[in-house]
Amino acid sequence: MMVEEGNVRDLADVEELLLCWSNLKSPEFVELVSRFYRELCDELFSTASGDAAADEEEEHATALSYESDV
């Protein structure tokens, strides 16, 4: 397997995460970890796209305001 030198630690982290995930036996823990990961991803990725959408709405509102003033 070829791995870039800087990503070796990242790869080890992912392998450790997958090993831990595969060792989870309790459905309650699987649900808890799944929910945590889902919420984390939602916050990380919706914030970035939400900021872009908010910026677009603000630009649109500014343009409409300018057009009504003219």
PDB file of N, CA and C in Angstrom:
ATOM      1  N   MET A   1       0.848  -1.169   0.000  1.00  0.00           N
ATOM      2  CA  MET A   1       0.000   0.000   0.000  1.00  0.00           C
ATOM      3  C   MET A   1       0.895   1.235   0.000  1.00  0.00           C
ATOM      4  N   MET A   2       0.600   2.176  -0.872  1.00  0.00           N
ATOM      5  CA  MET A   2       1.378   3.412  -0.920  1.00  0.00           C
ATOM      6  C   MET A   2       0.649   4.484  -0.122  1.00  0.00           C
ATOM      7  N   VAL A   3       1.379   5.119   0.757  1.00  0.00           N
ATOM      8  CA  VAL A   3       0.808   6.163   1.598  1.00  0.00           C
ATOM      9  C   VAL A   3       1.776   7.329   1.618  1.00  0.00           C
ATOM     10  N   GLU A   4       1.239   8.543   1.462  1.00  0.00           N
ATOM     11  CA  GLU A   4       2.102   9.712   1.563  1.00  0.00           C
ATOM     12  C   GLU A   4       2.628   9.816   2.982  1.00  0.00           C
ATOM     13  N   GLU A   5       3.840  10.323   3.118  1.00  0.00           N
ATOM     14  CA  GLU A   5       4.504  10.367   4.421  1.00  0.00           C
ATOM     15  C   GLU A   5       3.688  11.135   5.457  1.00  0.00           C
ATOM     16  N   GLY A   6       3.114  12.262   5.090  1.00  0.00           N
ATOM     17  CA  GLY A   6       2.365  13.086   6.040  1.00  0.00           C
ATOM     18  C   GLY A   6       1.040  12.487   6.452  1.00  0.00           C
ATOM     19  N   ASN A   7       0.527  11.547   5.669  1.00  0.00           N
ATOM     20  CA  ASN A   7      -0.783  10.978   5.948  1.00  0.00           C
ATOM     21  C   ASN A   7      -0.724   9.656   6.688  1.00  0.00           C
ATOM     22  N   VAL A   8       0.458   9.208   7.071  1.00  0.00           N
ATOM     23  CA  VAL A   8       0.587   7.922   7.758  1.00  0.00           C
ATOM     24  C   VAL A   8      -0.173   7.955   9.075  1.00  0.00           C
ATOM     25  N   ARG A   9      -0.049   9.032   9.833  1.00  0.00           N
ATOM     26  CA  ARG A   9      -0.750   9.130  11.115  1.00  0.00           C
ATOM     27  C   ARG A   9      -2.260   9.188  10.904  1.00  0.00           C
ATOM     28  N   ASP A  10      -2.706   9.911   9.877  1.00  0.00           N
ATOM     29  CA  ASP A  10      -4.133   9.961   9.576  1.00  0.00           C
ATOM     30  C   ASP A  10      -4.665   8.572   9.248  1.00  0.00           C
ATOM     31  N   LEU A  11      -3.896   7.821   8.478  1.00  0.00           N
ATOM     32  CA  LEU A  11      -4.291   6.466   8.120  1.00  0.00           C
ATOM     33  C   LEU A  11      -4.390   5.591   9.367  1.00  0.00           C
ATOM     34  N   ALA A  12      -3.436   5.727  10.275  1.00  0.00           N
ATOM     35  CA  ALA A  12      -3.466   4.954  11.524  1.00  0.00           C
ATOM     36  C   ALA A  12      -4.692   5.329  12.351  1.00  0.00           C
ATOM     37  N   ASP A  13      -5.051   6.613  12.364  1.00  0.00           N
ATOM     38  CA  ASP A  13      -6.244   7.050  13.097  1.00  0.00           C
ATOM     39  C   ASP A  13      -7.506   6.428  12.507  1.00  0.00           C
ATOM     40  N   VAL A  14      -7.593   6.404  11.196  1.00  0.00           N
ATOM     41  CA  VAL A  14      -8.762   5.818  10.534  1.00  0.00           C
ATOM     42  C   VAL A  14      -8.824   4.321  10.803  1.00  0.00           C
ATOM     43  N   GLU A  15      -7.693   3.656  10.720  1.00  0.00           N
ATOM     44  CA  GLU A  15      -7.669   2.217  11.001  1.00  0.00           C
ATOM     45  C   GLU A  15      -8.091   1.934  12.436  1.00  0.00           C
ATOM     46  N   GLU A  16      -7.620   2.755  13.375  1.00  0.00           N
ATOM     47  CA  GLU A  16      -8.002   2.580  14.780  1.00  0.00           C
ATOM     48  C   GLU A  16      -9.497   2.819  14.965  1.00  0.00           C
ATOM     49  N   LEU A  17     -10.021   3.848  14.313  1.00  0.00           N
ATOM     50  CA  LEU A  17     -11.451   4.139  14.390  1.00  0.00           C
ATOM     51  C   LEU A  17     -12.276   2.973  13.857  1.00  0.00           C
ATOM     52  N   LEU A  18     -11.872   2.432  12.711  1.00  0.00           N
ATOM     53  CA  LEU A  18     -12.604   1.306  12.128  1.00  0.00           C
ATOM     54  C   LEU A  18     -12.524   0.061  13.002  1.00  0.00           C
ATOM     55  N   LEU A  19     -11.380  -0.164  13.620  1.00  0.00           N
ATOM     56  CA  LEU A  19     -11.240  -1.306  14.520  1.00  0.00           C
ATOM     57  C   LEU A  19     -12.172  -1.154  15.723  1.00  0.00           C
ATOM     58  N   CYS A  20     -12.188   0.031  16.302  1.00  0.00           N
ATOM     59  CA  CYS A  20     -13.082   0.282  17.442  1.00  0.00           C
ATOM     60  C   CYS A  20     -14.539   0.123  17.031  1.00  0.00           C
ATOM     61  N   TRP A  21     -14.885   0.656  15.861  1.00  0.00           N
ATOM     62  CA  TRP A  21     -16.267   0.562  15.373  1.00  0.00           C
ATOM     63  C   TRP A  21     -16.676  -0.899  15.188  1.00  0.00           C
ATOM     64  N   SER A  22     -15.785  -1.702  14.628  1.00  0.00           N
ATOM     65  CA  SER A  22     -16.114  -3.108  14.390  1.00  0.00           C
ATOM     66  C   SER A  22     -16.233  -3.893  15.695  1.00  0.00           C
ATOM     67  N   ASN A  23     -15.629  -3.391  16.771  1.00  0.00           N
ATOM     68  CA  ASN A  23     -15.701  -4.072  18.064  1.00  0.00           C
ATOM     69  C   ASN A  23     -16.917  -3.670  18.887  1.00  0.00           C
ATOM     70  N   LEU A  24     -17.666  -2.672  18.437  1.00  0.00           N
ATOM     71  CA  LEU A  24     -18.878  -2.288  19.163  1.00  0.00           C
ATOM     72  C   LEU A  24     -19.924  -3.381  18.999  1.00  0.00           C
ATOM     73  N   LYS A  25     -20.411  -3.881  20.101  1.00  0.00           N
ATOM     74  CA  LYS A  25     -21.392  -4.968  20.048  1.00  0.00           C
ATOM     75  C   LYS A  25     -22.778  -4.517  20.504  1.00  0.00           C
ATOM     76  N   SER A  26     -22.824  -3.576  21.403  1.00  0.00           N
ATOM     77  CA  SER A  26     -24.096  -3.136  21.960  1.00  0.00           C
ATOM     78  C   SER A  26     -24.835  -2.227  20.979  1.00  0.00           C
ATOM     79  N   PRO A  27     -26.080  -2.546  20.657  1.00  0.00           N
ATOM     80  CA  PRO A  27     -26.853  -1.690  19.750  1.00  0.00           C
ATOM     81  C   PRO A  27     -27.001  -0.257  20.282  1.00  0.00           C
ATOM     82  N   GLU A  28     -27.042  -0.119  21.617  1.00  0.00           N
ATOM     83  CA  GLU A  28     -27.161   1.213  22.206  1.00  0.00           C
ATOM     84  C   GLU A  28     -25.915   2.053  21.915  1.00  0.00           C
ATOM     85  N   PHE A  29     -24.738   1.430  22.036  1.00  0.00           N
ATOM     86  CA  PHE A  29     -23.502   2.156  21.754  1.00  0.00           C
ATOM     87  C   PHE A  29     -23.357   2.457  20.262  1.00  0.00           C
ATOM     88  N   VAL A  30     -23.762   1.509  19.428  1.00  0.00           N
ATOM     89  CA  VAL A  30     -23.715   1.742  17.984  1.00  0.00           C
ATOM     90  C   VAL A  30     -24.598   2.937  17.634  1.00  0.00           C
ATOM     91  N   GLU A  31     -25.799   2.984  18.197  1.00  0.00           N
ATOM     92  CA  GLU A  31     -26.712   4.102  17.944  1.00  0.00           C
ATOM     93  C   GLU A  31     -26.140   5.410  18.471  1.00  0.00           C
ATOM     94  N   LEU A  32     -25.563   5.380  19.657  1.00  0.00           N
ATOM     95  CA  LEU A  32     -24.987   6.582  20.260  1.00  0.00           C
ATOM     96  C   LEU A  32     -23.838   7.134  19.416  1.00  0.00           C
ATOM     97  N   VAL A  33     -22.921   6.274  19.020  1.00  0.00           N
ATOM     98  CA  VAL A  33     -21.778   6.711  18.212  1.00  0.00           C
ATOM     99  C   VAL A  33     -22.253   7.177  16.835  1.00  0.00           C
ATOM    100  N   SER A  34     -23.210   6.479  16.255  1.00  0.00           N
ATOM    101  CA  SER A  34     -23.741   6.870  14.948  1.00  0.00           C
ATOM    102  C   SER A  34     -24.398   8.242  15.011  1.00  0.00           C
ATOM    103  N   ARG A  35     -25.179   8.468  16.053  1.00  0.00           N
ATOM    104  CA  ARG A  35     -25.854   9.762  16.203  1.00  0.00           C
ATOM    105  C   ARG A  35     -24.839  10.883  16.394  1.00  0.00           C
ATOM    106  N   PHE A  36     -23.823  10.633  17.224  1.00  0.00           N
ATOM    107  CA  PHE A  36     -22.785  11.640  17.451  1.00  0.00           C
ATOM    108  C   PHE A  36     -22.082  11.991  16.143  1.00  0.00           C
ATOM    109  N   TYR A  37     -21.697  10.981  15.380  1.00  0.00           N
ATOM    110  CA  TYR A  37     -20.984  11.208  14.122  1.00  0.00           C
ATOM    111  C   TYR A  37     -21.872  11.948  13.118  1.00  0.00           C
ATOM    112  N   ARG A  38     -23.145  11.553  13.047  1.00  0.00           N
ATOM    113  CA  ARG A  38     -24.087  12.199  12.133  1.00  0.00           C
ATOM    114  C   ARG A  38     -24.256  13.678  12.487  1.00  0.00           C
ATOM    115  N   GLU A  39     -24.431  13.972  13.784  1.00  0.00           N
ATOM    116  CA  GLU A  39     -24.586  15.362  14.217  1.00  0.00           C
ATOM    117  C   GLU A  39     -23.316  16.166  13.974  1.00  0.00           C
ATOM    118  N   LEU A  40     -22.168  15.562  14.208  1.00  0.00           N
ATOM    119  CA  LEU A  40     -20.897  16.235  13.957  1.00  0.00           C
ATOM    120  C   LEU A  40     -20.760  16.593  12.477  1.00  0.00           C
ATOM    121  N   CYS A  41     -21.057  15.638  11.611  1.00  0.00           N
ATOM    122  CA  CYS A  41     -20.978  15.897  10.167  1.00  0.00           C
ATOM    123  C   CYS A  41     -21.990  16.958   9.744  1.00  0.00           C
ATOM    124  N   ASP A  42     -23.205  16.893  10.296  1.00  0.00           N
ATOM    125  CA  ASP A  42     -24.212  17.902   9.967  1.00  0.00           C
ATOM    126  C   ASP A  42     -23.728  19.296  10.333  1.00  0.00           C
ATOM    127  N   GLU A  43     -23.156  19.434  11.522  1.00  0.00           N
ATOM    128  CA  GLU A  43     -22.668  20.740  11.963  1.00  0.00           C
ATOM    129  C   GLU A  43     -21.495  21.216  11.117  1.00  0.00           C
ATOM    130  N   LEU A  44     -20.573  20.324  10.829  1.00  0.00           N
ATOM    131  CA  LEU A  44     -19.391  20.717  10.059  1.00  0.00           C
ATOM    132  C   LEU A  44     -19.743  21.114   8.635  1.00  0.00           C
ATOM    133  N   PHE A  45     -20.571  20.314   7.985  1.00  0.00           N
ATOM    134  CA  PHE A  45     -20.820  20.535   6.567  1.00  0.00           C
ATOM    135  C   PHE A  45     -21.990  21.466   6.307  1.00  0.00           C
ATOM    136  N   SER A  46     -22.980  21.520   7.189  1.00  0.00           N
ATOM    137  CA  SER A  46     -24.094  22.436   6.959  1.00  0.00           C
ATOM    138  C   SER A  46     -23.695  23.865   7.279  1.00  0.00           C
ATOM    139  N   THR A  47     -22.747  24.069   8.199  1.00  0.00           N
ATOM    140  CA  THR A  47     -22.283  25.415   8.524  1.00  0.00           C
ATOM    141  C   THR A  47     -21.586  26.031   7.329  1.00  0.00           C
ATOM    142  N   ALA A  48     -20.755  25.276   6.665  1.00  0.00           N
ATOM    143  CA  ALA A  48     -20.032  25.801   5.502  1.00  0.00           C
ATOM    144  C   ALA A  48     -21.000  26.147   4.383  1.00  0.00           C
ATOM    145  N   SER A  49     -21.937  25.275   4.071  1.00  0.00           N
ATOM    146  CA  SER A  49     -22.887  25.561   3.001  1.00  0.00           C
ATOM    147  C   SER A  49     -23.917  26.582   3.452  1.00  0.00           C
ATOM    148  N   GLY A  50     -24.246  26.593   4.738  1.00  0.00           N
ATOM    149  CA  GLY A  50     -25.187  27.576   5.267  1.00  0.00           C
ATOM    150  C   GLY A  50     -24.630  28.977   5.204  1.00  0.00           C
ATOM    151  N   ASP A  51     -23.335  29.138   5.466  1.00  0.00           N
ATOM    152  CA  ASP A  51     -22.700  30.448   5.374  1.00  0.00           C
ATOM    153  C   ASP A  51     -22.733  30.966   3.948  1.00  0.00           C
ATOM    154  N   ALA A  52     -22.485  30.101   2.989  1.00  0.00           N
ATOM    155  CA  ALA A  52     -22.507  30.507   1.585  1.00  0.00           C
ATOM    156  C   ALA A  52     -23.914  30.920   1.177  1.00  0.00           C
ATOM    157  N   ALA A  53     -24.912  30.172   1.627  1.00  0.00           N
ATOM    158  CA  ALA A  53     -26.296  30.511   1.301  1.00  0.00           C
ATOM    159  C   ALA A  53     -26.691  31.835   1.944  1.00  0.00           C
ATOM    160  N   ALA A  54     -26.261  32.059   3.181  1.00  0.00           N
ATOM    161  CA  ALA A  54     -26.570  33.316   3.860  1.00  0.00           C
ATOM    162  C   ALA A  54     -25.911  34.484   3.148  1.00  0.00           C
ATOM    163  N   ASP A  55     -24.686  34.314   2.680  1.00  0.00           N
ATOM    164  CA  ASP A  55     -23.995  35.365   1.933  1.00  0.00           C
ATOM    165  C   ASP A  55     -24.736  35.690   0.645  1.00  0.00           C
ATOM    166  N   GLU A  56     -25.211  34.662  -0.057  1.00  0.00           N
ATOM    167  CA  GLU A  56     -25.952  34.882  -1.298  1.00  0.00           C
ATOM    168  C   GLU A  56     -27.247  35.632  -1.022  1.00  0.00           C
ATOM    169  N   GLU A  57     -27.959  35.264   0.050  1.00  0.00           N
ATOM    170  CA  GLU A  57     -29.198  35.949   0.397  1.00  0.00           C
ATOM    171  C   GLU A  57     -28.933  37.408   0.733  1.00  0.00           C
ATOM    172  N   GLU A  58     -27.859  37.681   1.456  1.00  0.00           N
ATOM    173  CA  GLU A  58     -27.509  39.046   1.820  1.00  0.00           C
ATOM    174  C   GLU A  58     -27.174  39.865   0.578  1.00  0.00           C
ATOM    175  N   GLU A  59     -26.417  39.295  -0.351  1.00  0.00           N
ATOM    176  CA  GLU A  59     -26.083  39.995  -1.592  1.00  0.00           C
ATOM    177  C   GLU A  59     -27.335  40.286  -2.397  1.00  0.00           C
ATOM    178  N   HIS A  60     -28.255  39.325  -2.459  1.00  0.00           N
ATOM    179  CA  HIS A  60     -29.502  39.506  -3.195  1.00  0.00           C
ATOM    180  C   HIS A  60     -30.336  40.615  -2.559  1.00  0.00           C
ATOM    181  N   ALA A  61     -30.428  40.619  -1.236  1.00  0.00           N
ATOM    182  CA  ALA A  61     -31.195  41.650  -0.534  1.00  0.00           C
ATOM    183  C   ALA A  61     -30.574  43.022  -0.751  1.00  0.00           C
ATOM    184  N   THR A  62     -29.258  43.107  -0.744  1.00  0.00           N
ATOM    185  CA  THR A  62     -28.567  44.374  -0.974  1.00  0.00           C
ATOM    186  C   THR A  62     -28.837  44.868  -2.388  1.00  0.00           C
ATOM    187  N   ALA A  63     -28.802  43.974  -3.362  1.00  0.00           N
ATOM    188  CA  ALA A  63     -29.067  44.349  -4.752  1.00  0.00           C
ATOM    189  C   ALA A  63     -30.494  44.840  -4.913  1.00  0.00           C
ATOM    190  N   LEU A  64     -31.451  44.168  -4.284  1.00  0.00           N
ATOM    191  CA  LEU A  64     -32.843  44.598  -4.360  1.00  0.00           C
ATOM    192  C   LEU A  64     -33.027  45.955  -3.705  1.00  0.00           C
ATOM    193  N   SER A  65     -32.381  46.168  -2.583  1.00  0.00           N
ATOM    194  CA  SER A  65     -32.465  47.448  -1.881  1.00  0.00           C
ATOM    195  C   SER A  65     -31.897  48.560  -2.745  1.00  0.00           C
ATOM    196  N   TYR A  66     -30.783  48.302  -3.396  1.00  0.00           N
ATOM    197  CA  TYR A  66     -30.145  49.297  -4.264  1.00  0.00           C
ATOM    198  C   TYR A  66     -31.055  49.623  -5.446  1.00  0.00           C
ATOM    199  N   GLU A  67     -31.672  48.583  -6.050  1.00  0.00           N
ATOM    200  CA  GLU A  67     -32.554  48.794  -7.196  1.00  0.00           C
ATOM    201  C   GLU A  67     -33.770  49.622  -6.810  1.00  0.00           C
ATOM    202  N   SER A  68     -34.304  49.423  -5.624  1.00  0.00           N
ATOM    203  CA  SER A  68     -35.483  50.184  -5.208  1.00  0.00           C
ATOM    204  C   SER A  68     -35.133  51.629  -4.885  1.00  0.00           C
ATOM    205  N   ASP A  69     -33.872  51.890  -4.510  1.00  0.00           N
ATOM    206  CA  ASP A  69     -33.435  53.254  -4.224  1.00  0.00           C
ATOM    207  C   ASP A  69     -33.208  54.044  -5.505  1.00  0.00           C
ATOM    208  N   VAL A  70     -32.915  53.358  -6.597  1.00  0.00           N
ATOM    209  CA  VAL A  70     -32.575  54.033  -7.863  1.00  0.00           C
ATOM    210  C   VAL A  70     -33.786  54.376  -8.617  1.00  0.00           C
TER     211      VAL A  70
END
